[in-house]
């Protein structure tokens, strides 16, 4: 296995490099020997943001229901996000080898609403 760097654009036009492990036969030499090749992708880092948002929605609903049923006050989930050498992203077991680990925390206690009384 060799390491390859994927270059993704961010919303502010800067770049983020993500390291992925690929089979050596799948990497074409585009850098000097001993240097890690960088592969520019047409995708932006927003694919990661979209994956996190899509994964969080059902978790939020589940934790809200859990709070209503059990009065739990906090919940936490760790997501492992991995990349393919083509730039696809997918969720992996958080304890496994993830390229990116994201911890999401929910405070399930609802703050009282303050109303103006006149």
Protein backbone atom coordinates (compact mmCIF):
# COMPACT_ATOMS: atom_id res chain seq x y z
CA UNK A 1 0.00 0.00 0.00
CA UNK A 2 1.14 3.51 -0.73
CA UNK A 3 -0.17 6.83 0.47
CA UNK A 4 -1.78 9.20 -1.97
CA UNK A 5 -2.97 12.73 -1.21
CA UNK A 6 -6.31 13.96 -2.49
CA UNK A 7 -6.67 17.70 -2.96
CA UNK A 8 -10.17 19.05 -2.30
CA UNK A 9 -11.31 22.65 -2.64
CA UNK A 10 -13.11 24.34 0.25
CA UNK A 11 -15.91 26.89 0.09
CA UNK A 12 -13.40 29.74 0.45
CA UNK A 13 -11.27 28.39 -2.45
CA UNK A 14 -8.46 27.11 -0.25
CA UNK A 15 -7.52 23.42 -0.36
CA UNK A 16 -7.49 20.49 2.03
CA UNK A 17 -5.26 17.48 1.48
CA UNK A 18 -6.61 14.10 2.57
CA UNK A 19 -4.29 11.08 2.78
CA UNK A 20 -5.60 7.75 1.51
CA UNK A 21 -3.96 4.33 1.35
CA UNK A 22 -4.18 2.70 -2.08
CA UNK A 23 -2.66 -0.35 -3.72
CA UNK A 24 0.64 0.51 -5.33
CA UNK A 25 -0.62 -0.81 -8.67
CA UNK A 26 -3.44 1.78 -8.58
CA UNK A 27 -1.12 4.77 -8.32
CA UNK A 28 0.44 6.26 -11.42
CA UNK A 29 3.75 8.01 -10.80
CA UNK A 30 3.09 11.78 -10.89
CA UNK A 31 5.72 12.82 -8.37
CA UNK A 32 9.39 12.22 -7.74
CA UNK A 33 10.30 8.88 -6.14
CA UNK A 34 9.86 9.09 -2.37
CA UNK A 35 7.34 11.95 -2.56
CA UNK A 36 3.64 11.41 -1.92
CA UNK A 37 1.62 11.97 -5.09
CA UNK A 38 -1.15 14.60 -4.94
CA UNK A 39 -4.31 13.97 -6.92
CA UNK A 40 -6.46 17.04 -7.65
CA UNK A 41 -10.16 16.26 -7.58
CA UNK A 42 -13.04 18.06 -9.24
CA UNK A 43 -15.07 17.64 -6.04
CA UNK A 44 -15.03 20.02 -3.12
CA UNK A 45 -14.74 19.30 0.59
CA UNK A 46 -18.47 20.04 0.81
CA UNK A 47 -19.04 16.34 0.02
CA UNK A 48 -17.79 15.66 3.55
CA UNK A 49 -20.09 18.32 5.01
CA UNK A 50 -23.06 16.85 3.12
CA UNK A 51 -22.26 13.35 4.41
CA UNK A 52 -22.06 14.59 8.02
CA UNK A 53 -25.37 16.46 7.70
CA UNK A 54 -27.12 13.45 6.12
CA UNK A 55 -25.80 11.14 8.85
CA UNK A 56 -26.74 13.58 11.63
CA UNK A 57 -30.41 14.08 10.75
CA UNK A 58 -31.68 10.60 11.71
CA UNK A 59 -29.40 10.57 14.76
CA UNK A 60 -30.83 13.88 15.95
CA UNK A 61 -34.39 12.54 15.58
CA UNK A 62 -33.47 9.35 17.43
CA UNK A 63 -31.81 11.26 20.28
CA UNK A 64 -34.78 13.61 20.58
CA UNK A 65 -37.11 10.62 20.90
CA UNK A 66 -34.74 9.01 23.40
CA UNK A 67 -34.78 12.20 25.48
CA UNK A 68 -38.59 12.28 25.47
CA UNK A 69 -38.84 8.64 26.51
CA UNK A 70 -35.97 8.40 29.01
CA UNK A 71 -35.04 11.99 29.94
CA UNK A 72 -31.48 11.41 28.75
CA UNK A 73 -29.67 14.75 28.74
CA UNK A 74 -26.66 14.16 26.46
CA UNK A 75 -25.75 12.04 23.48
CA UNK A 76 -22.54 11.63 21.53
CA UNK A 77 -21.60 9.83 18.32
CA UNK A 78 -18.21 9.47 16.67
CA UNK A 79 -18.28 9.05 12.90
CA UNK A 80 -15.37 7.73 10.91
CA UNK A 81 -15.18 9.11 7.39
CA UNK A 82 -12.97 7.54 4.78
CA UNK A 83 -12.08 8.47 1.23
CA UNK A 84 -11.47 6.38 -1.84
CA UNK A 85 -8.66 7.28 -4.20
CA UNK A 86 -11.29 8.68 -6.56
CA UNK A 87 -12.57 11.07 -3.89
CA UNK A 88 -15.74 9.27 -2.82
CA UNK A 89 -16.52 9.49 0.89
CA UNK A 90 -18.17 6.92 3.12
CA UNK A 91 -18.77 6.21 6.79
CA UNK A 92 -16.59 3.62 8.52
CA UNK A 93 -16.44 2.22 12.01
CA UNK A 94 -15.11 5.06 14.13
CA UNK A 95 -12.56 2.82 15.83
CA UNK A 96 -11.22 1.67 12.47
CA UNK A 97 -8.80 3.44 10.17
CA UNK A 98 -10.72 6.53 9.22
CA UNK A 99 -9.21 9.40 7.29
CA UNK A 100 -11.32 11.79 9.32
CA UNK A 101 -13.02 11.29 12.69
CA UNK A 102 -15.91 13.57 13.62
CA UNK A 103 -17.47 13.68 17.08
CA UNK A 104 -21.02 15.00 17.25
CA UNK A 105 -22.49 15.96 20.61
CA UNK A 106 -26.09 16.76 21.45
CA UNK A 107 -27.29 18.56 24.57
CA UNK A 108 -30.84 17.27 24.82
CA UNK A 109 -31.98 19.61 27.58
CA UNK A 110 -34.25 22.20 26.07
CA UNK A 111 -33.53 25.74 27.09
CA UNK A 112 -36.60 27.57 28.42
CA UNK A 113 -37.92 30.09 25.95
CA UNK A 114 -37.71 33.68 27.16
CA UNK A 115 -40.65 35.82 26.21
CA UNK A 116 -40.97 39.54 26.61
CA UNK A 117 -43.85 40.48 28.86
CA UNK A 118 -45.17 43.99 28.73
